[in-house]
Amino acid sequence: MKAFSRMTAERSLLLLSSSRVFGYGYLEHTKEDIIKFFNKKNVTKILFVPYALPNHDDYTNVVSNALTPWGYAVEGIHTKANPVEAVSSAQAIFVGGGNSFVLLKTLYELNLVDAIREQTLKKGIPYMGSSAGTNVATRSINTTNDMPVAHPPTFEALNLVPFNINPHYLETDPNTEHKGETRDQRLEEFLLYHKRPVLGLREGTAVLVEGDKATLIGDRNAKLFRPKLEPIEFEPQSDLSFLLHDL
């Protein structure tokens, strides 16, 4: 994958753990954050990337029904004759959740990995991801919860941030009788081999990246897993900018 030595525009990312939270409609739990995020860059039209789910039309309709009442027109990238050109002319990009393996495979097949990196890191186009869309925004999809139902050419992803995220992070109930591996154990196993931090994002939380500043938003803590160190909890509004350095 092509690497960029430095940013030439302020990076603008909203990386959601999930698009749905109990008691809310699609994206409603983070409505104010989304509006503030897009309005800061005067966005009126959003290019939606629905490749993580099989029915692209239905998925785009779900997103459009949620975002149109908030003042944003939504176009599905799958309706464009040239997806790379669609990315190049987009005001903003939203990559939806679903299966991370299918999503990343499709991004590589359509030559969209470098195209999205170019727009996001060099031109400052806002990027919003949810679940799988957040996974592919990080270093790799190795810390996804999804089943490997497709085979991308590599697990290395967009690398818009130099760390990994585990969306939908959920700790095991200490009273459970289940003795299989916990989420924490699986993430610790990743650290043994890759030796880079993983941020466990609980549902309802997100990471907002503005240039070189990263902030945890939402109403729950996030849990950071670090090589050879104990995990550490961060409260909402915590400054996570240190994670933007290539550790």
Protein backbone atom coordinates (compact mmCIF):
# COMPACT_ATOMS: atom_id res chain seq x y z
CA MET A 1 0.00 0.00 0.00
CA LYS A 2 1.18 3.45 -0.89
CA ALA A 3 2.38 5.41 2.15
CA PHE A 4 2.16 9.14 2.64
CA SER A 5 5.08 10.73 4.48
CA ARG A 6 3.02 13.55 5.94
CA MET A 7 -0.40 15.15 5.90
CA THR A 8 -0.93 18.26 3.81
CA ALA A 9 -4.39 19.02 5.23
CA GLU A 10 -5.99 18.65 8.63
CA ARG A 11 -7.20 15.10 9.15
CA SER A 12 -10.93 14.95 9.98
CA LEU A 13 -12.23 11.59 11.19
CA LEU A 14 -15.23 10.38 13.17
CA LEU A 15 -14.74 6.71 14.04
CA LEU A 16 -17.87 5.22 15.59
CA SER A 17 -17.96 1.93 17.44
CA SER A 18 -21.47 1.29 16.16
CA SER A 19 -24.31 2.85 14.20
CA ARG A 20 -26.99 1.39 16.44
CA VAL A 21 -27.36 1.65 20.20
CA PHE A 22 -30.21 0.19 22.25
CA GLY A 23 -33.06 2.67 22.60
CA TYR A 24 -32.09 4.76 19.55
CA GLY A 25 -32.70 4.70 15.82
CA TYR A 26 -29.92 4.36 13.27
CA LEU A 27 -27.12 6.84 14.21
CA GLU A 28 -29.48 8.75 16.54
CA HIS A 29 -27.30 8.23 19.61
CA THR A 30 -24.58 10.37 18.05
CA LYS A 31 -26.69 12.78 16.00
CA GLU A 32 -25.22 15.95 17.53
CA ASP A 33 -21.66 14.70 17.01
CA ILE A 34 -22.33 13.86 13.36
CA ILE A 35 -23.93 17.22 12.61
CA LYS A 36 -21.11 19.12 14.28
CA PHE A 37 -18.53 16.98 12.47
CA PHE A 38 -19.93 17.54 8.97
CA ASN A 39 -21.05 21.13 9.45
CA LYS A 40 -17.52 22.14 10.47
CA LYS A 41 -16.50 21.43 6.86
CA ASN A 42 -19.75 22.77 5.34
CA VAL A 43 -20.73 19.32 4.08
CA THR A 44 -24.09 19.04 2.31
CA LYS A 45 -23.56 15.80 0.39
CA ILE A 46 -22.10 12.53 1.69
CA LEU A 47 -20.67 9.69 -0.39
CA PHE A 48 -21.74 6.46 1.30
CA VAL A 49 -19.70 3.27 0.93
CA PRO A 50 -22.07 0.28 1.49
CA TYR A 51 -19.71 -2.56 0.53
CA ALA A 52 -19.70 -4.19 3.99
CA LEU A 53 -23.25 -5.52 3.45
CA PRO A 54 -24.56 -7.43 0.42
CA ASN A 55 -27.57 -5.27 -0.53
CA HIS A 56 -26.01 -1.93 -1.38
CA ASP A 57 -29.24 -0.21 -2.42
CA ASP A 58 -31.10 -1.12 0.77
CA TYR A 59 -28.14 -0.13 2.92
CA THR A 60 -27.82 3.25 1.22
CA ASN A 61 -31.53 3.85 1.73
CA VAL A 62 -31.16 3.23 5.47
CA VAL A 63 -28.37 5.77 5.67
CA SER A 64 -30.21 8.28 3.49
CA ASN A 65 -33.37 7.98 5.60
CA ALA A 66 -31.31 8.79 8.69
CA LEU A 67 -29.13 11.62 7.36
CA THR A 68 -31.42 13.41 4.89
CA PRO A 69 -33.66 14.86 7.63
CA TRP A 70 -30.50 16.28 9.23
CA GLY A 71 -29.70 18.21 6.06
CA TYR A 72 -27.39 15.87 4.13
CA ALA A 73 -27.89 14.33 0.70
CA VAL A 74 -26.55 10.76 0.50
CA GLU A 75 -25.20 9.09 -2.62
CA GLY A 76 -24.13 5.46 -2.79
CA ILE A 77 -20.70 4.95 -4.32
CA HIS A 78 -21.96 1.73 -5.90
CA THR A 79 -24.17 3.80 -8.25
CA LYS A 80 -21.17 5.61 -9.72
CA ALA A 81 -19.57 4.47 -12.97
CA ASN A 82 -16.11 5.34 -11.63
CA PRO A 83 -15.80 4.85 -7.85
CA VAL A 84 -12.31 6.40 -7.72
CA GLU A 85 -13.59 9.58 -9.36
CA ALA A 86 -16.55 9.58 -6.96
CA VAL A 87 -14.14 9.56 -4.01
CA SER A 88 -12.01 12.26 -5.60
CA SER A 89 -14.99 14.61 -5.93
CA ALA A 90 -16.68 13.77 -2.61
CA GLN A 91 -17.40 16.41 0.03
CA ALA A 92 -17.35 13.71 2.71
CA ILE A 93 -17.13 9.92 2.94
CA PHE A 94 -19.10 7.59 5.21
CA VAL A 95 -18.06 3.93 5.28
CA GLY A 96 -20.73 1.80 6.90
CA GLY A 97 -20.50 -1.27 9.08
CA GLY A 98 -20.97 -4.92 8.23
CA ASN A 99 -18.24 -7.43 7.44
CA SER A 100 -14.72 -5.97 7.57
CA PHE A 101 -13.22 -8.67 5.35
CA VAL A 102 -15.76 -8.14 2.57
CA LEU A 103 -15.40 -4.38 2.88
CA LEU A 104 -11.61 -4.32 2.69
CA LYS A 105 -11.51 -6.82 -0.17
CA THR A 106 -13.88 -4.62 -2.17
CA LEU A 107 -11.92 -1.45 -1.42
CA TYR A 108 -8.78 -3.09 -2.80
CA GLU A 109 -10.57 -4.52 -5.83
CA LEU A 110 -11.92 -1.08 -6.77
CA ASN A 111 -8.60 0.71 -6.11
CA LEU A 112 -10.20 2.79 -3.37
CA VAL A 113 -7.64 2.32 -0.58
CA ASP A 114 -5.16 4.86 -1.90
CA ALA A 115 -7.96 7.05 -3.25
CA ILE A 116 -9.57 7.40 0.18
CA ARG A 117 -6.20 7.97 1.85
CA GLU A 118 -5.40 10.70 -0.65
CA GLN A 119 -8.65 12.53 -0.04
CA THR A 120 -8.58 12.11 3.72
CA LEU A 121 -4.93 12.70 4.58
CA LYS A 122 -3.86 15.11 1.85
CA LYS A 123 -7.05 17.06 1.17
CA GLY A 124 -8.76 16.90 4.57
CA ILE A 125 -12.04 15.43 3.32
CA PRO A 126 -14.13 14.29 6.35
CA TYR A 127 -14.26 10.52 6.85
CA MET A 128 -16.85 8.87 9.06
CA GLY A 129 -16.74 5.16 9.76
CA SER A 130 -18.95 2.86 11.77
CA SER A 131 -17.96 -0.60 13.01
CA ALA A 132 -16.35 -2.19 9.91
CA GLY A 133 -15.94 1.30 8.49
CA THR A 134 -13.97 2.16 11.61
CA ASN A 135 -11.92 -1.04 11.40
CA VAL A 136 -10.74 -0.26 7.87
CA ALA A 137 -9.79 3.29 8.91
CA THR A 138 -7.11 1.91 11.25
CA ARG A 139 -3.80 0.13 10.66
CA SER A 140 -5.44 -3.21 9.93
CA ILE A 141 -8.59 -5.26 10.35
CA ASN A 142 -6.84 -7.83 12.56
CA THR A 143 -8.87 -6.74 15.59
CA THR A 144 -12.31 -7.01 13.98
CA ASN A 145 -15.00 -9.22 15.53
CA ASP A 146 -16.17 -10.39 12.09
CA MET A 147 -15.95 -13.80 10.45
CA PRO A 148 -13.43 -14.06 7.57
CA VAL A 149 -16.04 -14.80 4.89
CA ALA A 150 -13.91 -13.10 2.21
CA HIS A 151 -10.18 -12.94 1.56
CA PRO A 152 -8.71 -9.46 1.02
CA PRO A 153 -5.18 -9.34 -0.42
CA THR A 154 -3.91 -8.11 2.95
CA PHE A 155 -5.32 -7.24 6.36
CA GLU A 156 -3.54 -3.87 6.21
CA ALA A 157 -6.17 -1.19 5.84
CA LEU A 158 -6.49 2.56 5.18
CA ASN A 159 -4.09 3.50 7.99
CA LEU A 160 -5.79 6.84 8.63
CA VAL A 161 -4.71 6.38 12.25
CA PRO A 162 -1.61 4.39 13.33
CA PHE A 163 -3.33 2.12 15.84
CA ASN A 164 -6.04 -0.52 15.89
CA ILE A 165 -9.60 -0.36 17.18
CA ASN A 166 -11.90 -3.09 18.42
CA PRO A 167 -15.46 -1.82 17.81
CA HIS A 168 -18.36 -3.15 19.91
CA TYR A 169 -15.89 -3.88 22.70
CA LEU A 170 -17.59 -5.81 25.49
CA GLU A 171 -16.05 -7.30 28.58
CA THR A 172 -17.05 -10.80 29.63
CA ASP A 173 -19.52 -11.02 32.50
CA PRO A 174 -17.41 -12.15 35.49
CA ASN A 175 -20.30 -14.36 36.62
CA THR A 176 -20.57 -16.27 33.35
CA GLU A 177 -20.03 -20.03 33.32
CA HIS A 178 -18.61 -19.86 29.80
CA LYS A 179 -14.91 -20.78 29.84
CA GLY A 180 -13.95 -19.94 26.27
CA GLU A 181 -11.54 -17.14 25.42
CA THR A 182 -12.69 -13.66 26.38
CA ARG A 183 -12.47 -10.58 24.19
CA ASP A 184 -9.65 -9.32 26.39
CA GLN A 185 -7.68 -12.53 25.89
CA ARG A 186 -8.05 -12.34 22.13
CA LEU A 187 -6.86 -8.73 22.08
CA GLU A 188 -3.91 -9.59 24.29
CA GLU A 189 -3.03 -12.34 21.80
CA PHE A 190 -2.98 -9.74 19.01
CA LEU A 191 -0.56 -7.62 21.07
CA LEU A 192 1.84 -10.54 21.38
CA TYR A 193 2.29 -10.67 17.64
CA HIS A 194 1.77 -7.10 16.45
CA LYS A 195 2.93 -5.07 19.45
CA ARG A 196 0.82 -2.01 18.83
CA PRO A 197 -2.05 -0.56 20.87
CA VAL A 198 -5.70 -1.48 20.41
CA LEU A 199 -8.50 0.77 21.59
CA GLY A 200 -11.57 -1.12 22.74
CA LEU A 201 -14.54 1.09 21.81
CA ARG A 202 -17.71 0.27 23.67
CA GLU A 203 -20.99 0.80 21.84
CA GLY A 204 -22.11 4.41 21.92
CA THR A 205 -18.57 5.76 21.82
CA ALA A 206 -16.34 7.12 19.06
CA VAL A 207 -12.96 8.69 18.41
CA LEU A 208 -12.99 12.17 16.92
CA VAL A 209 -9.76 13.09 15.13
CA GLU A 210 -9.10 16.69 14.15
CA GLY A 211 -5.63 17.11 12.74
CA ASP A 212 -3.24 15.83 15.41
CA LYS A 213 -5.86 15.82 18.18
CA ALA A 214 -7.92 12.75 19.07
CA THR A 215 -10.77 12.78 21.59
CA LEU A 216 -12.95 10.02 23.00
CA ILE A 217 -16.61 10.99 22.67
CA GLY A 218 -19.79 9.30 23.84
CA ASP A 219 -21.09 8.32 27.24
CA ARG A 220 -18.92 5.33 28.13
CA ASN A 221 -15.27 4.61 28.81
CA ALA A 222 -12.90 3.14 26.26
CA LYS A 223 -10.29 0.53 27.14
CA LEU A 224 -6.76 0.71 25.76
CA PHE A 225 -4.73 -2.47 25.38
CA ARG A 226 -0.96 -1.94 25.25
CA PRO A 227 1.92 -4.37 24.66
CA LYS A 228 3.46 -5.62 27.94
CA LEU A 229 1.29 -3.24 30.01
CA GLU A 230 -1.99 -3.54 31.84
CA PRO A 231 -5.07 -2.23 29.99
CA ILE A 232 -6.14 1.26 30.96
CA GLU A 233 -9.59 2.90 30.96
CA PHE A 234 -10.27 6.35 29.51
CA GLU A 235 -13.33 8.41 30.36
CA PRO A 236 -15.42 10.32 27.80
CA GLN A 237 -13.73 13.48 26.53
CA SER A 238 -10.29 12.04 27.25
CA ASP A 239 -7.45 13.28 25.06
CA LEU A 240 -6.16 10.32 23.02
CA SER A 241 -3.84 12.34 20.81
CA PHE A 242 -0.84 10.29 21.93
CA LEU A 243 -2.26 7.39 19.90
CA LEU A 244 -1.73 9.35 16.69
CA HIS A 245 2.01 8.99 17.00
CA ASP A 246 3.29 5.93 15.17
CA LEU A 247 4.06 3.82 18.25
